[in-house]
Amino acid sequence: MDNSTRLDAISIETMHSGRLCLNLTTCVDWDGFPAYAEIVIGLLNGKIEKKSDSVDVRVWEILIDNEKFFLVHEDFPIMISLESTSLQGDQLVTQFKNKLNQYWRKKT
């Protein structure tokens, strides 16, 4: 399996904000993020609303089921995560984890 669809770090955490975060992978680098993001967004039937790229972090605002999320690539330590911004988003995070796990199992 190549890194473009890897979900090696899939886990749910609570962020400092109290919202949920779905960690996806530590294996996709800065240059690989756009392609990886497109795959994840497509699998979750999402839509990119805004892209913000800085020196060490990329934050893409996406809309999934009428809820706003952030798809984030942090450069150090490397991690791609999907961050909820609302209670309704939190309720969707577990569904997303299950859907992405099913996709990943089919790929292996």
N, C-alpha and C. Protein backbone atom coordinates (compact mmCIF):
# COMPACT_ATOMS: atom_id res chain seq x y z
N MET A 1 0.85 -1.18 0.00
CA MET A 1 0.00 0.00 0.00
C MET A 1 0.88 1.23 0.00
N ASP A 2 0.54 2.20 -0.81
CA ASP A 2 1.30 3.44 -0.80
C ASP A 2 0.73 4.39 0.25
N ASN A 3 1.47 5.45 0.53
CA ASN A 3 1.08 6.38 1.57
C ASN A 3 -0.12 7.25 1.19
N SER A 4 -0.53 7.24 -0.07
CA SER A 4 -1.61 8.13 -0.49
C SER A 4 -2.96 7.76 0.13
N THR A 5 -3.10 6.53 0.63
CA THR A 5 -4.35 6.14 1.25
C THR A 5 -4.15 5.54 2.64
N ARG A 6 -3.01 5.75 3.21
CA ARG A 6 -2.67 5.14 4.48
C ARG A 6 -3.43 5.78 5.65
N LEU A 7 -3.89 4.92 6.57
CA LEU A 7 -4.58 5.36 7.78
C LEU A 7 -3.93 4.69 8.99
N ASP A 8 -2.64 4.87 9.15
CA ASP A 8 -1.90 4.13 10.16
C ASP A 8 -2.12 4.62 11.58
N ALA A 9 -2.55 5.85 11.76
CA ALA A 9 -2.67 6.41 13.11
C ALA A 9 -4.12 6.66 13.49
N ILE A 10 -5.04 5.94 12.87
CA ILE A 10 -6.45 6.27 13.05
C ILE A 10 -6.88 6.07 14.50
N SER A 11 -7.26 7.19 15.11
CA SER A 11 -7.73 7.20 16.50
C SER A 11 -8.49 8.50 16.74
N ILE A 12 -9.36 8.47 17.72
CA ILE A 12 -10.12 9.66 18.08
C ILE A 12 -9.58 10.21 19.38
N GLU A 13 -9.35 11.52 19.40
CA GLU A 13 -8.88 12.21 20.60
C GLU A 13 -9.76 13.42 20.86
N THR A 14 -9.78 13.86 22.11
CA THR A 14 -10.45 15.11 22.45
C THR A 14 -9.39 16.21 22.45
N MET A 15 -9.66 17.28 21.71
CA MET A 15 -8.72 18.39 21.64
C MET A 15 -8.91 19.31 22.86
N HIS A 16 -8.00 20.26 23.03
CA HIS A 16 -8.10 21.22 24.12
C HIS A 16 -9.41 22.01 24.06
N SER A 17 -9.95 22.18 22.87
CA SER A 17 -11.20 22.91 22.69
C SER A 17 -12.41 22.12 23.19
N GLY A 18 -12.20 20.83 23.45
CA GLY A 18 -13.30 19.95 23.85
C GLY A 18 -13.92 19.23 22.67
N ARG A 19 -13.57 19.61 21.46
CA ARG A 19 -14.08 18.97 20.24
C ARG A 19 -13.25 17.72 19.95
N LEU A 20 -13.80 16.85 19.10
CA LEU A 20 -13.10 15.61 18.74
C LEU A 20 -12.22 15.79 17.52
N CYS A 21 -11.17 15.00 17.50
CA CYS A 21 -10.19 15.01 16.42
C CYS A 21 -9.96 13.56 15.99
N LEU A 22 -10.02 13.31 14.69
CA LEU A 22 -9.76 11.98 14.15
C LEU A 22 -8.37 12.00 13.53
N ASN A 23 -7.40 11.40 14.21
CA ASN A 23 -6.05 11.30 13.67
C ASN A 23 -6.05 10.23 12.58
N LEU A 24 -5.41 10.55 11.45
CA LEU A 24 -5.45 9.65 10.30
C LEU A 24 -4.12 8.98 10.00
N THR A 25 -3.05 9.76 9.86
CA THR A 25 -1.78 9.17 9.45
C THR A 25 -0.59 10.03 9.86
N THR A 26 0.53 9.36 10.03
CA THR A 26 1.82 10.03 10.25
C THR A 26 2.75 9.77 9.08
N CYS A 27 2.24 9.19 8.01
CA CYS A 27 3.08 8.74 6.90
C CYS A 27 2.99 9.59 5.64
N VAL A 28 2.25 10.66 5.66
CA VAL A 28 2.11 11.49 4.46
C VAL A 28 2.82 12.80 4.70
N ASP A 29 3.75 13.13 3.80
CA ASP A 29 4.53 14.35 3.97
C ASP A 29 3.80 15.56 3.40
N TRP A 30 4.44 16.72 3.53
CA TRP A 30 3.87 18.00 3.11
C TRP A 30 3.40 17.97 1.66
N ASP A 31 4.25 17.46 0.78
CA ASP A 31 3.93 17.43 -0.65
C ASP A 31 2.82 16.45 -0.98
N GLY A 32 2.70 15.39 -0.18
CA GLY A 32 1.68 14.39 -0.42
C GLY A 32 0.30 14.74 0.14
N PHE A 33 0.26 15.79 0.97
CA PHE A 33 -1.00 16.13 1.64
C PHE A 33 -2.14 16.44 0.67
N PRO A 34 -1.96 17.26 -0.36
CA PRO A 34 -3.11 17.58 -1.22
C PRO A 34 -3.78 16.34 -1.83
N ALA A 35 -3.00 15.40 -2.33
CA ALA A 35 -3.57 14.19 -2.92
C ALA A 35 -4.28 13.35 -1.86
N TYR A 36 -3.64 13.22 -0.70
CA TYR A 36 -4.24 12.47 0.41
C TYR A 36 -5.54 13.13 0.85
N ALA A 37 -5.52 14.45 0.98
CA ALA A 37 -6.71 15.19 1.40
C ALA A 37 -7.86 14.97 0.42
N GLU A 38 -7.57 15.00 -0.86
CA GLU A 38 -8.62 14.80 -1.86
C GLU A 38 -9.26 13.42 -1.72
N ILE A 39 -8.46 12.40 -1.42
CA ILE A 39 -9.00 11.05 -1.23
C ILE A 39 -9.91 11.01 -0.02
N VAL A 40 -9.44 11.53 1.11
CA VAL A 40 -10.24 11.52 2.35
C VAL A 40 -11.52 12.32 2.17
N ILE A 41 -11.40 13.50 1.60
CA ILE A 41 -12.57 14.35 1.39
C ILE A 41 -13.57 13.65 0.46
N GLY A 42 -13.08 12.99 -0.57
CA GLY A 42 -13.96 12.25 -1.48
C GLY A 42 -14.67 11.10 -0.80
N LEU A 43 -13.94 10.35 0.02
CA LEU A 43 -14.54 9.22 0.73
C LEU A 43 -15.63 9.66 1.69
N LEU A 44 -15.48 10.86 2.25
CA LEU A 44 -16.45 11.36 3.22
C LEU A 44 -17.49 12.29 2.58
N ASN A 45 -17.48 12.35 1.25
CA ASN A 45 -18.42 13.20 0.51
C ASN A 45 -18.36 14.65 0.98
N GLY A 46 -17.14 15.13 1.17
CA GLY A 46 -16.94 16.49 1.63
C GLY A 46 -16.65 17.45 0.50
N LYS A 47 -16.57 18.72 0.86
CA LYS A 47 -16.29 19.78 -0.09
C LYS A 47 -15.31 20.76 0.55
N ILE A 48 -14.26 21.11 -0.18
CA ILE A 48 -13.29 22.08 0.33
C ILE A 48 -13.90 23.47 0.27
N GLU A 49 -13.89 24.15 1.40
CA GLU A 49 -14.40 25.51 1.47
C GLU A 49 -13.27 26.54 1.43
N LYS A 50 -12.13 26.21 2.04
CA LYS A 50 -11.03 27.16 2.15
C LYS A 50 -9.74 26.40 2.45
N LYS A 51 -8.64 26.87 1.87
CA LYS A 51 -7.32 26.29 2.13
C LYS A 51 -6.41 27.35 2.75
N SER A 52 -5.77 26.99 3.85
CA SER A 52 -4.80 27.88 4.49
C SER A 52 -3.51 27.09 4.70
N ASP A 53 -2.46 27.50 4.02
CA ASP A 53 -1.17 26.83 4.13
C ASP A 53 -0.15 27.81 4.69
N SER A 54 0.54 27.39 5.76
CA SER A 54 1.60 28.22 6.33
C SER A 54 2.90 27.42 6.31
N VAL A 55 3.89 27.89 7.00
CA VAL A 55 5.21 27.25 6.97
C VAL A 55 5.19 25.83 7.52
N ASP A 56 4.48 25.59 8.62
CA ASP A 56 4.55 24.28 9.26
C ASP A 56 3.20 23.59 9.45
N VAL A 57 2.13 24.19 8.94
CA VAL A 57 0.82 23.57 9.09
C VAL A 57 -0.07 23.95 7.89
N ARG A 58 -0.87 22.98 7.49
CA ARG A 58 -1.89 23.22 6.47
C ARG A 58 -3.23 22.97 7.13
N VAL A 59 -4.17 23.89 6.97
CA VAL A 59 -5.50 23.75 7.53
C VAL A 59 -6.51 23.99 6.41
N TRP A 60 -7.20 22.94 6.03
CA TRP A 60 -8.21 23.07 5.00
C TRP A 60 -9.58 22.96 5.66
N GLU A 61 -10.41 23.96 5.44
CA GLU A 61 -11.77 23.94 5.96
C GLU A 61 -12.62 23.16 4.97
N ILE A 62 -13.30 22.14 5.49
CA ILE A 62 -14.13 21.32 4.62
C ILE A 62 -15.54 21.21 5.20
N LEU A 63 -16.48 20.97 4.34
CA LEU A 63 -17.88 20.81 4.73
C LEU A 63 -18.29 19.38 4.43
N ILE A 64 -18.78 18.68 5.47
CA ILE A 64 -19.26 17.32 5.33
C ILE A 64 -20.61 17.24 6.04
N ASP A 65 -21.62 16.79 5.36
CA ASP A 65 -22.97 16.71 5.94
C ASP A 65 -23.39 18.03 6.59
N ASN A 66 -23.10 19.12 5.92
CA ASN A 66 -23.43 20.48 6.38
C ASN A 66 -22.74 20.87 7.69
N GLU A 67 -21.66 20.19 8.03
CA GLU A 67 -20.87 20.52 9.22
C GLU A 67 -19.47 20.91 8.79
N LYS A 68 -18.91 21.91 9.46
CA LYS A 68 -17.55 22.37 9.16
C LYS A 68 -16.53 21.55 9.94
N PHE A 69 -15.48 21.13 9.24
CA PHE A 69 -14.34 20.42 9.83
C PHE A 69 -13.07 21.06 9.31
N PHE A 70 -11.98 20.80 10.02
CA PHE A 70 -10.66 21.19 9.55
C PHE A 70 -9.88 19.92 9.26
N LEU A 71 -9.34 19.81 8.05
CA LEU A 71 -8.41 18.75 7.72
C LEU A 71 -7.03 19.38 7.83
N VAL A 72 -6.22 18.85 8.75
CA VAL A 72 -4.99 19.52 9.15
C VAL A 72 -3.78 18.62 8.90
N HIS A 73 -2.73 19.20 8.32
CA HIS A 73 -1.44 18.54 8.21
C HIS A 73 -0.45 19.35 9.06
N GLU A 74 0.04 18.72 10.12
CA GLU A 74 1.08 19.35 10.94
C GLU A 74 2.41 18.76 10.54
N ASP A 75 3.41 19.62 10.42
CA ASP A 75 4.72 19.19 9.93
C ASP A 75 5.60 18.57 11.01
N PHE A 76 5.44 19.00 12.26
CA PHE A 76 6.28 18.44 13.33
C PHE A 76 5.50 18.36 14.61
N PRO A 77 5.24 17.18 15.12
CA PRO A 77 5.45 15.91 14.41
C PRO A 77 4.42 15.76 13.29
N ILE A 78 4.78 14.99 12.29
CA ILE A 78 3.89 14.82 11.14
C ILE A 78 2.61 14.11 11.59
N MET A 79 1.47 14.72 11.27
CA MET A 79 0.17 14.11 11.55
C MET A 79 -0.86 14.79 10.66
N ILE A 80 -1.72 13.98 10.08
CA ILE A 80 -2.90 14.49 9.39
C ILE A 80 -4.09 14.11 10.24
N SER A 81 -4.94 15.10 10.50
CA SER A 81 -6.11 14.85 11.34
C SER A 81 -7.32 15.60 10.80
N LEU A 82 -8.48 15.10 11.16
CA LEU A 82 -9.75 15.72 10.83
C LEU A 82 -10.35 16.23 12.13
N GLU A 83 -10.51 17.54 12.23
CA GLU A 83 -10.91 18.16 13.49
C GLU A 83 -12.35 18.68 13.40
N SER A 84 -13.15 18.29 14.36
CA SER A 84 -14.52 18.76 14.45
C SER A 84 -14.55 20.19 15.00
N THR A 85 -15.58 20.93 14.62
CA THR A 85 -15.75 22.30 15.12
C THR A 85 -17.07 22.48 15.86
N SER A 86 -17.84 21.38 16.03
CA SER A 86 -19.15 21.51 16.66
C SER A 86 -19.57 20.20 17.32
N LEU A 87 -20.58 20.26 18.14
CA LEU A 87 -21.13 19.07 18.77
C LEU A 87 -21.66 18.10 17.71
N GLN A 88 -22.33 18.64 16.70
CA GLN A 88 -22.84 17.80 15.61
C GLN A 88 -21.69 17.13 14.86
N GLY A 89 -20.59 17.87 14.67
CA GLY A 89 -19.41 17.30 14.03
C GLY A 89 -18.82 16.18 14.86
N ASP A 90 -18.78 16.39 16.18
CA ASP A 90 -18.27 15.34 17.08
C ASP A 90 -19.04 14.05 16.89
N GLN A 91 -20.35 14.17 16.70
CA GLN A 91 -21.19 12.98 16.55
C GLN A 91 -20.90 12.25 15.24
N LEU A 92 -20.37 12.96 14.26
CA LEU A 92 -20.05 12.35 12.97
C LEU A 92 -18.67 11.69 12.94
N VAL A 93 -17.77 12.10 13.83
CA VAL A 93 -16.38 11.64 13.79
C VAL A 93 -16.28 10.12 13.89
N THR A 94 -17.05 9.49 14.77
CA THR A 94 -16.99 8.03 14.89
C THR A 94 -17.45 7.35 13.61
N GLN A 95 -18.48 7.91 12.98
CA GLN A 95 -18.94 7.36 11.70
C GLN A 95 -17.85 7.46 10.64
N PHE A 96 -17.15 8.59 10.63
CA PHE A 96 -16.06 8.78 9.67
C PHE A 96 -14.95 7.76 9.91
N LYS A 97 -14.62 7.54 11.18
CA LYS A 97 -13.57 6.56 11.51
C LYS A 97 -13.95 5.19 10.98
N ASN A 98 -15.19 4.78 11.20
CA ASN A 98 -15.65 3.47 10.74
C ASN A 98 -15.61 3.39 9.22
N LYS A 99 -16.06 4.42 8.54
CA LYS A 99 -16.08 4.43 7.08
C LYS A 99 -14.67 4.35 6.51
N LEU A 100 -13.75 5.13 7.07
CA LEU A 100 -12.36 5.13 6.58
C LEU A 100 -11.67 3.81 6.90
N ASN A 101 -11.95 3.22 8.06
CA ASN A 101 -11.39 1.90 8.39
C ASN A 101 -11.85 0.85 7.40
N GLN A 102 -13.13 0.88 7.03
CA GLN A 102 -13.64 -0.08 6.05
C GLN A 102 -12.93 0.08 4.71
N TYR A 103 -12.74 1.31 4.28
CA TYR A 103 -12.04 1.57 3.03
C TYR A 103 -10.61 1.05 3.10
N TRP A 104 -9.92 1.33 4.20
CA TRP A 104 -8.53 0.93 4.35
C TRP A 104 -8.39 -0.58 4.37
N ARG A 105 -9.31 -1.27 5.04
CA ARG A 105 -9.25 -2.74 5.08
C ARG A 105 -9.40 -3.33 3.68
N LYS A 106 -10.23 -2.70 2.85
CA LYS A 106 -10.40 -3.19 1.47
C LYS A 106 -9.13 -3.00 0.66
N LYS A 107 -8.35 -1.97 1.00
CA LYS A 107 -7.12 -1.66 0.24
C LYS A 107 -5.97 -2.58 0.62
N THR A 108 -6.03 -3.22 1.78
CA THR A 108 -4.90 -4.05 2.23
C THR A 108 -5.10 -5.50 1.87
